[in-house]
């Protein structure tokens, strides 16, 4: 019974982590154009989101922004 409780608690806490989404109240990522060929990518997580996850979100947003702008490298 204790194992079921621990598993349920872990799932509940995992659900609290910031998802890959546009910047909002609970965190997310955003891209802001600085110049014609330069973008500022920002990401913010919450207390349940690991640093590596936030870094992955930044790289993913940079890749998506590059492709949307017609670029091939970032």
C-alpha atoms as a PDB file:
ATOM      1  CA  UNK A   1       0.000   0.000   0.000  1.00  0.00           C
ATOM      2  CA  UNK A   2       2.864   2.358   0.792  1.00  0.00           C
ATOM      3  CA  UNK A   3       4.355   1.806  -2.671  1.00  0.00           C
ATOM      4  CA  UNK A   4       1.089   2.859  -4.306  1.00  0.00           C
ATOM      5  CA  UNK A   5       1.038   6.045  -2.226  1.00  0.00           C
ATOM      6  CA  UNK A   6       4.652   6.881  -3.132  1.00  0.00           C
ATOM      7  CA  UNK A   7       3.971   6.239  -6.832  1.00  0.00           C
ATOM      8  CA  UNK A   8       0.871   8.464  -6.734  1.00  0.00           C
ATOM      9  CA  UNK A   9       2.825  11.208  -4.974  1.00  0.00           C
ATOM     10  CA  UNK A  10       5.597  11.063  -7.597  1.00  0.00           C
ATOM     11  CA  UNK A  11       3.065  11.326 -10.418  1.00  0.00           C
ATOM     12  CA  UNK A  12       1.379  14.278  -8.752  1.00  0.00           C
ATOM     13  CA  UNK A  13       4.664  16.140  -8.332  1.00  0.00           C
ATOM     14  CA  UNK A  14       5.718  15.384 -11.901  1.00  0.00           C
ATOM     15  CA  UNK A  15       2.488  17.005 -13.054  1.00  0.00           C
ATOM     16  CA  UNK A  16       3.548  20.239 -11.349  1.00  0.00           C
ATOM     17  CA  UNK A  17       6.631  20.719 -13.527  1.00  0.00           C
ATOM     18  CA  UNK A  18       6.514  23.435 -16.183  1.00  0.00           C
ATOM     19  CA  UNK A  19       5.461  22.049 -19.558  1.00  0.00           C
ATOM     20  CA  UNK A  20       6.843  23.213 -22.901  1.00  0.00           C
ATOM     21  CA  UNK A  21       4.442  26.067 -23.604  1.00  0.00           C
ATOM     22  CA  UNK A  22       4.355  29.764 -24.334  1.00  0.00           C
ATOM     23  CA  UNK A  23       5.372  31.941 -21.383  1.00  0.00           C
ATOM     24  CA  UNK A  24       2.635  32.138 -18.808  1.00  0.00           C
ATOM     25  CA  UNK A  25       2.011  32.331 -15.085  1.00  0.00           C
ATOM     26  CA  UNK A  26       3.575  28.914 -14.400  1.00  0.00           C
ATOM     27  CA  UNK A  27       6.570  29.427 -16.710  1.00  0.00           C
ATOM     28  CA  UNK A  28       7.322  28.475 -20.279  1.00  0.00           C
ATOM     29  CA  UNK A  29       9.341  29.826 -23.191  1.00  0.00           C
ATOM     30  CA  UNK A  30       9.231  32.973 -25.298  1.00  0.00           C
ATOM     31  CA  UNK A  31      11.086  34.340 -28.320  1.00  0.00           C
ATOM     32  CA  UNK A  32      11.464  38.075 -28.857  1.00  0.00           C
ATOM     33  CA  UNK A  33      12.961  39.612 -31.983  1.00  0.00           C
ATOM     34  CA  UNK A  34      15.874  41.941 -31.177  1.00  0.00           C
ATOM     35  CA  UNK A  35      17.119  42.748 -34.704  1.00  0.00           C
ATOM     36  CA  UNK A  36      16.263  41.392 -38.135  1.00  0.00           C
ATOM     37  CA  UNK A  37      18.430  38.322 -37.569  1.00  0.00           C
ATOM     38  CA  UNK A  38      18.707  38.122 -33.773  1.00  0.00           C
ATOM     39  CA  UNK A  39      16.215  36.698 -31.293  1.00  0.00           C
ATOM     40  CA  UNK A  40      16.160  36.583 -27.499  1.00  0.00           C
ATOM     41  CA  UNK A  41      14.934  33.262 -26.165  1.00  0.00           C
ATOM     42  CA  UNK A  42      13.718  33.215 -22.566  1.00  0.00           C
ATOM     43  CA  UNK A  43      12.605  30.278 -20.456  1.00  0.00           C
ATOM     44  CA  UNK A  44      11.333  30.066 -16.939  1.00  0.00           C
ATOM     45  CA  UNK A  45      10.489  26.989 -14.907  1.00  0.00           C
ATOM     46  CA  UNK A  46       9.088  26.534 -11.451  1.00  0.00           C
ATOM     47  CA  UNK A  47      10.427  24.728  -8.391  1.00  0.00           C
ATOM     48  CA  UNK A  48       9.555  21.338  -9.880  1.00  0.00           C
ATOM     49  CA  UNK A  49      11.307  21.928 -13.210  1.00  0.00           C
ATOM     50  CA  UNK A  50      14.951  20.891 -13.434  1.00  0.00           C
ATOM     51  CA  UNK A  51      17.669  23.091 -14.913  1.00  0.00           C
ATOM     52  CA  UNK A  52      18.366  20.590 -17.699  1.00  0.00           C
ATOM     53  CA  UNK A  53      14.702  20.655 -18.721  1.00  0.00           C
ATOM     54  CA  UNK A  54      14.679  24.461 -18.931  1.00  0.00           C
ATOM     55  CA  UNK A  55      17.871  24.360 -21.031  1.00  0.00           C
ATOM     56  CA  UNK A  56      16.255  21.821 -23.366  1.00  0.00           C
ATOM     57  CA  UNK A  57      13.234  24.113 -23.727  1.00  0.00           C
ATOM     58  CA  UNK A  58      15.528  27.028 -24.707  1.00  0.00           C
ATOM     59  CA  UNK A  59      17.256  24.958 -27.390  1.00  0.00           C
ATOM     60  CA  UNK A  60      13.948  23.650 -28.738  1.00  0.00           C
ATOM     61  CA  UNK A  61      12.463  27.163 -28.931  1.00  0.00           C
ATOM     62  CA  UNK A  62      15.641  28.423 -30.643  1.00  0.00           C
ATOM     63  CA  UNK A  63      15.386  25.656 -33.241  1.00  0.00           C
ATOM     64  CA  UNK A  64      11.675  26.319 -33.843  1.00  0.00           C
ATOM     65  CA  UNK A  65      12.256  30.072 -34.132  1.00  0.00           C
ATOM     66  CA  UNK A  66      15.140  29.536 -36.559  1.00  0.00           C
ATOM     67  CA  UNK A  67      13.033  27.303 -38.807  1.00  0.00           C
ATOM     68  CA  UNK A  68      10.068  29.694 -38.685  1.00  0.00           C
ATOM     69  CA  UNK A  69      12.366  32.549 -39.783  1.00  0.00           C
ATOM     70  CA  UNK A  70      13.679  30.468 -42.702  1.00  0.00           C
ATOM     71  CA  UNK A  71      17.091  29.786 -41.179  1.00  0.00           C
ATOM     72  CA  UNK A  72      18.992  26.534 -41.204  1.00  0.00           C
ATOM     73  CA  UNK A  73      21.415  27.054 -38.300  1.00  0.00           C
ATOM     74  CA  UNK A  74      21.279  28.691 -34.897  1.00  0.00           C
END
